[in-house]
């Protein structure tokens, strides 16, 4: 399966080669909204992705993608809880990018944007908190909310605070042929 990752300089308003935003379709977004809200209250647990039992931020992203039928499986190698202190490798976005490349439906691609692009419902936000690399991920929701899994908090919904907006490194958008 093919996945194109385009740079923000190439992209113009989210449309490239007749692709459309996956969550532009209200049916897709309503299904996504129902699934993601069913995860709220799941505790944070490193290297886990089980609704109601535990999820870290990266695996939570993939868990939602699997639950809505975008990807068909989740495979992650071990990574330490504090990996971002010891390396510049971006385990978070590399993880969900690899899942789209390797396990997504053939009509799905992922577009990559810089933080200047206007956020759209369903966008995946790559965030750097006290780090040079993306070490956190969240979904952007209608109404200016984030849903993410945060250490000591778990999966929860918050109004998108400036703290996170200021730390967005990349925006990833699901696109559909």
C-alpha atoms as a PDB file:
ATOM      1  CA  UNK A   1       0.000   0.000   0.000  1.00  0.00           C
ATOM      2  CA  UNK A   2       1.189   3.453  -0.818  1.00  0.00           C
ATOM      3  CA  UNK A   3       1.267   6.495   1.432  1.00  0.00           C
ATOM      4  CA  UNK A   4       2.439   9.881   0.243  1.00  0.00           C
ATOM      5  CA  UNK A   5       3.885  12.262   2.819  1.00  0.00           C
ATOM      6  CA  UNK A   6       3.985  15.725   1.306  1.00  0.00           C
ATOM      7  CA  UNK A   7       5.789  18.729   2.664  1.00  0.00           C
ATOM      8  CA  UNK A   8       3.753  21.809   3.609  1.00  0.00           C
ATOM      9  CA  UNK A   9       5.444  23.876   0.876  1.00  0.00           C
ATOM     10  CA  UNK A  10       3.898  21.603  -1.767  1.00  0.00           C
ATOM     11  CA  UNK A  11       0.425  21.543  -0.272  1.00  0.00           C
ATOM     12  CA  UNK A  12      -2.162  24.173  -1.010  1.00  0.00           C
ATOM     13  CA  UNK A  13      -5.195  24.220   1.306  1.00  0.00           C
ATOM     14  CA  UNK A  14      -5.206  20.432   1.835  1.00  0.00           C
ATOM     15  CA  UNK A  15      -5.964  19.520  -1.764  1.00  0.00           C
ATOM     16  CA  UNK A  16      -3.428  17.640  -3.848  1.00  0.00           C
ATOM     17  CA  UNK A  17      -4.093  15.256  -6.735  1.00  0.00           C
ATOM     18  CA  UNK A  18      -7.858  15.071  -6.163  1.00  0.00           C
ATOM     19  CA  UNK A  19      -7.498  14.049  -2.536  1.00  0.00           C
ATOM     20  CA  UNK A  20     -10.070  15.229  -0.009  1.00  0.00           C
ATOM     21  CA  UNK A  21      -9.943  15.442   3.755  1.00  0.00           C
ATOM     22  CA  UNK A  22     -11.156  12.160   5.205  1.00  0.00           C
ATOM     23  CA  UNK A  23     -13.084  13.921   7.965  1.00  0.00           C
ATOM     24  CA  UNK A  24     -14.704  16.356   5.549  1.00  0.00           C
ATOM     25  CA  UNK A  25     -17.276  13.576   5.173  1.00  0.00           C
ATOM     26  CA  UNK A  26     -19.707  14.035   8.085  1.00  0.00           C
ATOM     27  CA  UNK A  27     -20.392  10.281   8.301  1.00  0.00           C
ATOM     28  CA  UNK A  28     -16.657   9.583   8.722  1.00  0.00           C
ATOM     29  CA  UNK A  29     -16.330  12.317  11.336  1.00  0.00           C
ATOM     30  CA  UNK A  30     -19.388  11.223  13.343  1.00  0.00           C
ATOM     31  CA  UNK A  31     -18.082   7.645  13.461  1.00  0.00           C
ATOM     32  CA  UNK A  32     -14.649   8.949  14.526  1.00  0.00           C
ATOM     33  CA  UNK A  33     -16.214  11.237  17.148  1.00  0.00           C
ATOM     34  CA  UNK A  34     -18.187   8.359  18.655  1.00  0.00           C
ATOM     35  CA  UNK A  35     -15.193   6.035  18.736  1.00  0.00           C
ATOM     36  CA  UNK A  36     -12.738   8.556  20.169  1.00  0.00           C
ATOM     37  CA  UNK A  37     -15.170   9.691  22.876  1.00  0.00           C
ATOM     38  CA  UNK A  38     -15.643   6.045  23.914  1.00  0.00           C
ATOM     39  CA  UNK A  39     -11.929   6.010  24.868  1.00  0.00           C
ATOM     40  CA  UNK A  40     -12.269   8.916  27.333  1.00  0.00           C
ATOM     41  CA  UNK A  41     -11.377   7.722  30.824  1.00  0.00           C
ATOM     42  CA  UNK A  42      -8.897   5.115  29.599  1.00  0.00           C
ATOM     43  CA  UNK A  43      -5.859   5.456  31.887  1.00  0.00           C
ATOM     44  CA  UNK A  44      -2.415   6.314  30.565  1.00  0.00           C
ATOM     45  CA  UNK A  45      -0.237   3.227  30.287  1.00  0.00           C
ATOM     46  CA  UNK A  46       3.063   3.214  28.435  1.00  0.00           C
ATOM     47  CA  UNK A  47       3.295   0.920  25.389  1.00  0.00           C
ATOM     48  CA  UNK A  48      -0.356  -0.138  25.671  1.00  0.00           C
ATOM     49  CA  UNK A  49      -3.446   0.289  23.491  1.00  0.00           C
ATOM     50  CA  UNK A  50      -6.526  -1.261  25.122  1.00  0.00           C
ATOM     51  CA  UNK A  51      -9.658   0.851  25.435  1.00  0.00           C
ATOM     52  CA  UNK A  52     -10.640   1.160  29.089  1.00  0.00           C
ATOM     53  CA  UNK A  53      -7.382  -0.448  30.277  1.00  0.00           C
ATOM     54  CA  UNK A  54      -4.562   1.778  29.082  1.00  0.00           C
ATOM     55  CA  UNK A  55      -2.971   3.713  26.224  1.00  0.00           C
ATOM     56  CA  UNK A  56      -0.013   5.999  25.721  1.00  0.00           C
ATOM     57  CA  UNK A  57      -0.329   8.943  23.352  1.00  0.00           C
ATOM     58  CA  UNK A  58       1.225   7.289  20.271  1.00  0.00           C
ATOM     59  CA  UNK A  59      -0.638   4.024  20.589  1.00  0.00           C
ATOM     60  CA  UNK A  60      -3.869   5.883  21.344  1.00  0.00           C
ATOM     61  CA  UNK A  61      -3.553   7.550  17.910  1.00  0.00           C
ATOM     62  CA  UNK A  62      -3.156   4.129  16.278  1.00  0.00           C
ATOM     63  CA  UNK A  63      -5.915   2.580  18.377  1.00  0.00           C
ATOM     64  CA  UNK A  64      -8.396   5.120  17.065  1.00  0.00           C
ATOM     65  CA  UNK A  65      -7.186   4.608  13.483  1.00  0.00           C
ATOM     66  CA  UNK A  66      -7.763   0.871  13.893  1.00  0.00           C
ATOM     67  CA  UNK A  67     -11.153   1.274  15.572  1.00  0.00           C
ATOM     68  CA  UNK A  68     -12.469   3.431  12.710  1.00  0.00           C
ATOM     69  CA  UNK A  69     -11.105   1.046  10.086  1.00  0.00           C
ATOM     70  CA  UNK A  70      -8.280   3.177   8.667  1.00  0.00           C
ATOM     71  CA  UNK A  71      -5.591   0.636   9.593  1.00  0.00           C
ATOM     72  CA  UNK A  72      -5.974  -3.098  10.070  1.00  0.00           C
ATOM     73  CA  UNK A  73      -3.350  -3.769  12.744  1.00  0.00           C
ATOM     74  CA  UNK A  74      -1.027  -2.191  15.285  1.00  0.00           C
ATOM     75  CA  UNK A  75       2.605  -3.244  15.629  1.00  0.00           C
ATOM     76  CA  UNK A  76       5.003  -1.268  17.830  1.00  0.00           C
ATOM     77  CA  UNK A  77       8.521  -2.135  18.931  1.00  0.00           C
ATOM     78  CA  UNK A  78       9.564  -1.457  22.505  1.00  0.00           C
ATOM     79  CA  UNK A  79      10.533   2.116  23.347  1.00  0.00           C
ATOM     80  CA  UNK A  80      11.433   3.406  26.828  1.00  0.00           C
ATOM     81  CA  UNK A  81       9.085   5.782  28.611  1.00  0.00           C
ATOM     82  CA  UNK A  82      11.672   8.588  28.506  1.00  0.00           C
ATOM     83  CA  UNK A  83      13.024   7.836  25.010  1.00  0.00           C
ATOM     84  CA  UNK A  84      12.916  11.523  23.931  1.00  0.00           C
ATOM     85  CA  UNK A  85      15.536  12.445  26.548  1.00  0.00           C
ATOM     86  CA  UNK A  86      18.073  10.023  25.073  1.00  0.00           C
ATOM     87  CA  UNK A  87      17.566  10.272  21.309  1.00  0.00           C
ATOM     88  CA  UNK A  88      16.407  12.529  18.496  1.00  0.00           C
ATOM     89  CA  UNK A  89      14.373   9.696  16.959  1.00  0.00           C
ATOM     90  CA  UNK A  90      10.707  10.592  16.610  1.00  0.00           C
ATOM     91  CA  UNK A  91       8.960   7.445  17.807  1.00  0.00           C
ATOM     92  CA  UNK A  92       5.566   9.139  18.077  1.00  0.00           C
ATOM     93  CA  UNK A  93       4.883  10.419  14.556  1.00  0.00           C
ATOM     94  CA  UNK A  94       7.113   7.779  12.943  1.00  0.00           C
ATOM     95  CA  UNK A  95       4.861   5.200  14.578  1.00  0.00           C
ATOM     96  CA  UNK A  96       1.560   6.381  13.155  1.00  0.00           C
ATOM     97  CA  UNK A  97       3.134   7.339   9.807  1.00  0.00           C
ATOM     98  CA  UNK A  98       4.469   3.778   9.477  1.00  0.00           C
ATOM     99  CA  UNK A  99       1.045   2.397  10.343  1.00  0.00           C
ATOM    100  CA  UNK A 100      -0.592   4.456   7.589  1.00  0.00           C
ATOM    101  CA  UNK A 101       2.111   3.397   5.114  1.00  0.00           C
ATOM    102  CA  UNK A 102       1.946  -0.289   5.968  1.00  0.00           C
ATOM    103  CA  UNK A 103      -1.548  -1.056   7.255  1.00  0.00           C
ATOM    104  CA  UNK A 104      -3.973   1.549   5.870  1.00  0.00           C
ATOM    105  CA  UNK A 105      -6.771   1.064   3.388  1.00  0.00           C
ATOM    106  CA  UNK A 106      -5.494   1.714  -0.132  1.00  0.00           C
ATOM    107  CA  UNK A 107      -7.552   4.907  -0.574  1.00  0.00           C
ATOM    108  CA  UNK A 108      -6.039   6.606   2.521  1.00  0.00           C
ATOM    109  CA  UNK A 109      -2.971   8.816   2.591  1.00  0.00           C
ATOM    110  CA  UNK A 110      -1.452  11.084   5.197  1.00  0.00           C
ATOM    111  CA  UNK A 111      -0.518  14.689   4.488  1.00  0.00           C
ATOM    112  CA  UNK A 112       2.024  16.524   6.639  1.00  0.00           C
ATOM    113  CA  UNK A 113       1.736  20.247   7.367  1.00  0.00           C
ATOM    114  CA  UNK A 114       3.599  22.881   9.341  1.00  0.00           C
ATOM    115  CA  UNK A 115       1.863  24.505  12.347  1.00  0.00           C
ATOM    116  CA  UNK A 116       0.841  27.567  10.307  1.00  0.00           C
ATOM    117  CA  UNK A 117      -1.884  25.568   8.553  1.00  0.00           C
ATOM    118  CA  UNK A 118      -5.373  26.010   9.976  1.00  0.00           C
ATOM    119  CA  UNK A 119      -6.384  23.032  12.116  1.00  0.00           C
ATOM    120  CA  UNK A 120      -9.184  20.830  10.830  1.00  0.00           C
ATOM    121  CA  UNK A 121     -11.336  18.321  12.709  1.00  0.00           C
ATOM    122  CA  UNK A 122      -9.622  14.960  12.998  1.00  0.00           C
ATOM    123  CA  UNK A 123      -6.096  16.331  12.478  1.00  0.00           C
ATOM    124  CA  UNK A 124      -3.335  14.508  14.324  1.00  0.00           C
ATOM    125  CA  UNK A 125      -1.050  16.965  16.098  1.00  0.00           C
ATOM    126  CA  UNK A 126       2.633  16.200  16.574  1.00  0.00           C
ATOM    127  CA  UNK A 127       3.706  18.121  19.683  1.00  0.00           C
ATOM    128  CA  UNK A 128       7.142  18.678  21.267  1.00  0.00           C
ATOM    129  CA  UNK A 129       6.987  19.191  25.036  1.00  0.00           C
ATOM    130  CA  UNK A 130      10.367  20.038  26.607  1.00  0.00           C
ATOM    131  CA  UNK A 131      12.016  18.255  23.696  1.00  0.00           C
ATOM    132  CA  UNK A 132      13.517  18.873  20.258  1.00  0.00           C
ATOM    133  CA  UNK A 133      11.459  16.049  18.741  1.00  0.00           C
ATOM    134  CA  UNK A 134       7.766  15.255  18.668  1.00  0.00           C
ATOM    135  CA  UNK A 135       7.096  13.419  21.917  1.00  0.00           C
ATOM    136  CA  UNK A 136       3.330  13.767  22.176  1.00  0.00           C
ATOM    137  CA  UNK A 137       0.356  13.363  19.840  1.00  0.00           C
ATOM    138  CA  UNK A 138      -3.273  14.392  20.043  1.00  0.00           C
ATOM    139  CA  UNK A 139      -6.380  14.567  17.884  1.00  0.00           C
ATOM    140  CA  UNK A 140      -7.878  17.952  17.122  1.00  0.00           C
ATOM    141  CA  UNK A 141     -11.673  17.962  17.444  1.00  0.00           C
ATOM    142  CA  UNK A 142     -14.502  20.187  16.288  1.00  0.00           C
ATOM    143  CA  UNK A 143     -15.120  23.049  18.690  1.00  0.00           C
ATOM    144  CA  UNK A 144     -11.395  23.639  19.379  1.00  0.00           C
ATOM    145  CA  UNK A 145     -10.811  20.566  21.573  1.00  0.00           C
ATOM    146  CA  UNK A 146      -7.983  18.061  21.870  1.00  0.00           C
ATOM    147  CA  UNK A 147      -8.392  14.431  22.808  1.00  0.00           C
ATOM    148  CA  UNK A 148      -5.195  12.719  23.847  1.00  0.00           C
ATOM    149  CA  UNK A 149      -3.652  10.350  26.371  1.00  0.00           C
ATOM    150  CA  UNK A 150      -1.488  12.133  28.889  1.00  0.00           C
ATOM    151  CA  UNK A 151       0.743  10.629  31.567  1.00  0.00           C
ATOM    152  CA  UNK A 152      -0.990  10.624  35.006  1.00  0.00           C
ATOM    153  CA  UNK A 153      -4.253  11.781  33.372  1.00  0.00           C
ATOM    154  CA  UNK A 154      -5.165   9.256  30.684  1.00  0.00           C
ATOM    155  CA  UNK A 155      -7.424   9.831  27.697  1.00  0.00           C
ATOM    156  CA  UNK A 156      -9.335  13.057  28.115  1.00  0.00           C
ATOM    157  CA  UNK A 157     -10.811  15.972  26.202  1.00  0.00           C
ATOM    158  CA  UNK A 158      -9.643  19.530  26.787  1.00  0.00           C
ATOM    159  CA  UNK A 159     -10.214  22.886  25.160  1.00  0.00           C
ATOM    160  CA  UNK A 160      -7.122  23.376  22.995  1.00  0.00           C
ATOM    161  CA  UNK A 161      -4.835  25.382  25.291  1.00  0.00           C
ATOM    162  CA  UNK A 162      -2.110  27.693  24.029  1.00  0.00           C
ATOM    163  CA  UNK A 163       0.407  25.435  25.814  1.00  0.00           C
ATOM    164  CA  UNK A 164      -0.178  22.736  23.192  1.00  0.00           C
ATOM    165  CA  UNK A 165      -0.794  25.058  20.236  1.00  0.00           C
ATOM    166  CA  UNK A 166       2.582  26.722  20.797  1.00  0.00           C
ATOM    167  CA  UNK A 167       4.333  23.336  20.758  1.00  0.00           C
ATOM    168  CA  UNK A 168       2.851  21.860  17.561  1.00  0.00           C
ATOM    169  CA  UNK A 169       5.674  20.739  15.263  1.00  0.00           C
ATOM    170  CA  UNK A 170       3.574  19.094  12.543  1.00  0.00           C
ATOM    171  CA  UNK A 171      -0.058  18.585  11.658  1.00  0.00           C
ATOM    172  CA  UNK A 172      -0.970  15.289  10.027  1.00  0.00           C
ATOM    173  CA  UNK A 173      -4.213  15.022   8.048  1.00  0.00           C
ATOM    174  CA  UNK A 174      -5.898  11.888   6.766  1.00  0.00           C
ATOM    175  CA  UNK A 175      -6.756  12.218   3.099  1.00  0.00           C
ATOM    176  CA  UNK A 176      -8.987  10.055   0.943  1.00  0.00           C
ATOM    177  CA  UNK A 177      -8.952   9.329  -2.800  1.00  0.00           C
END
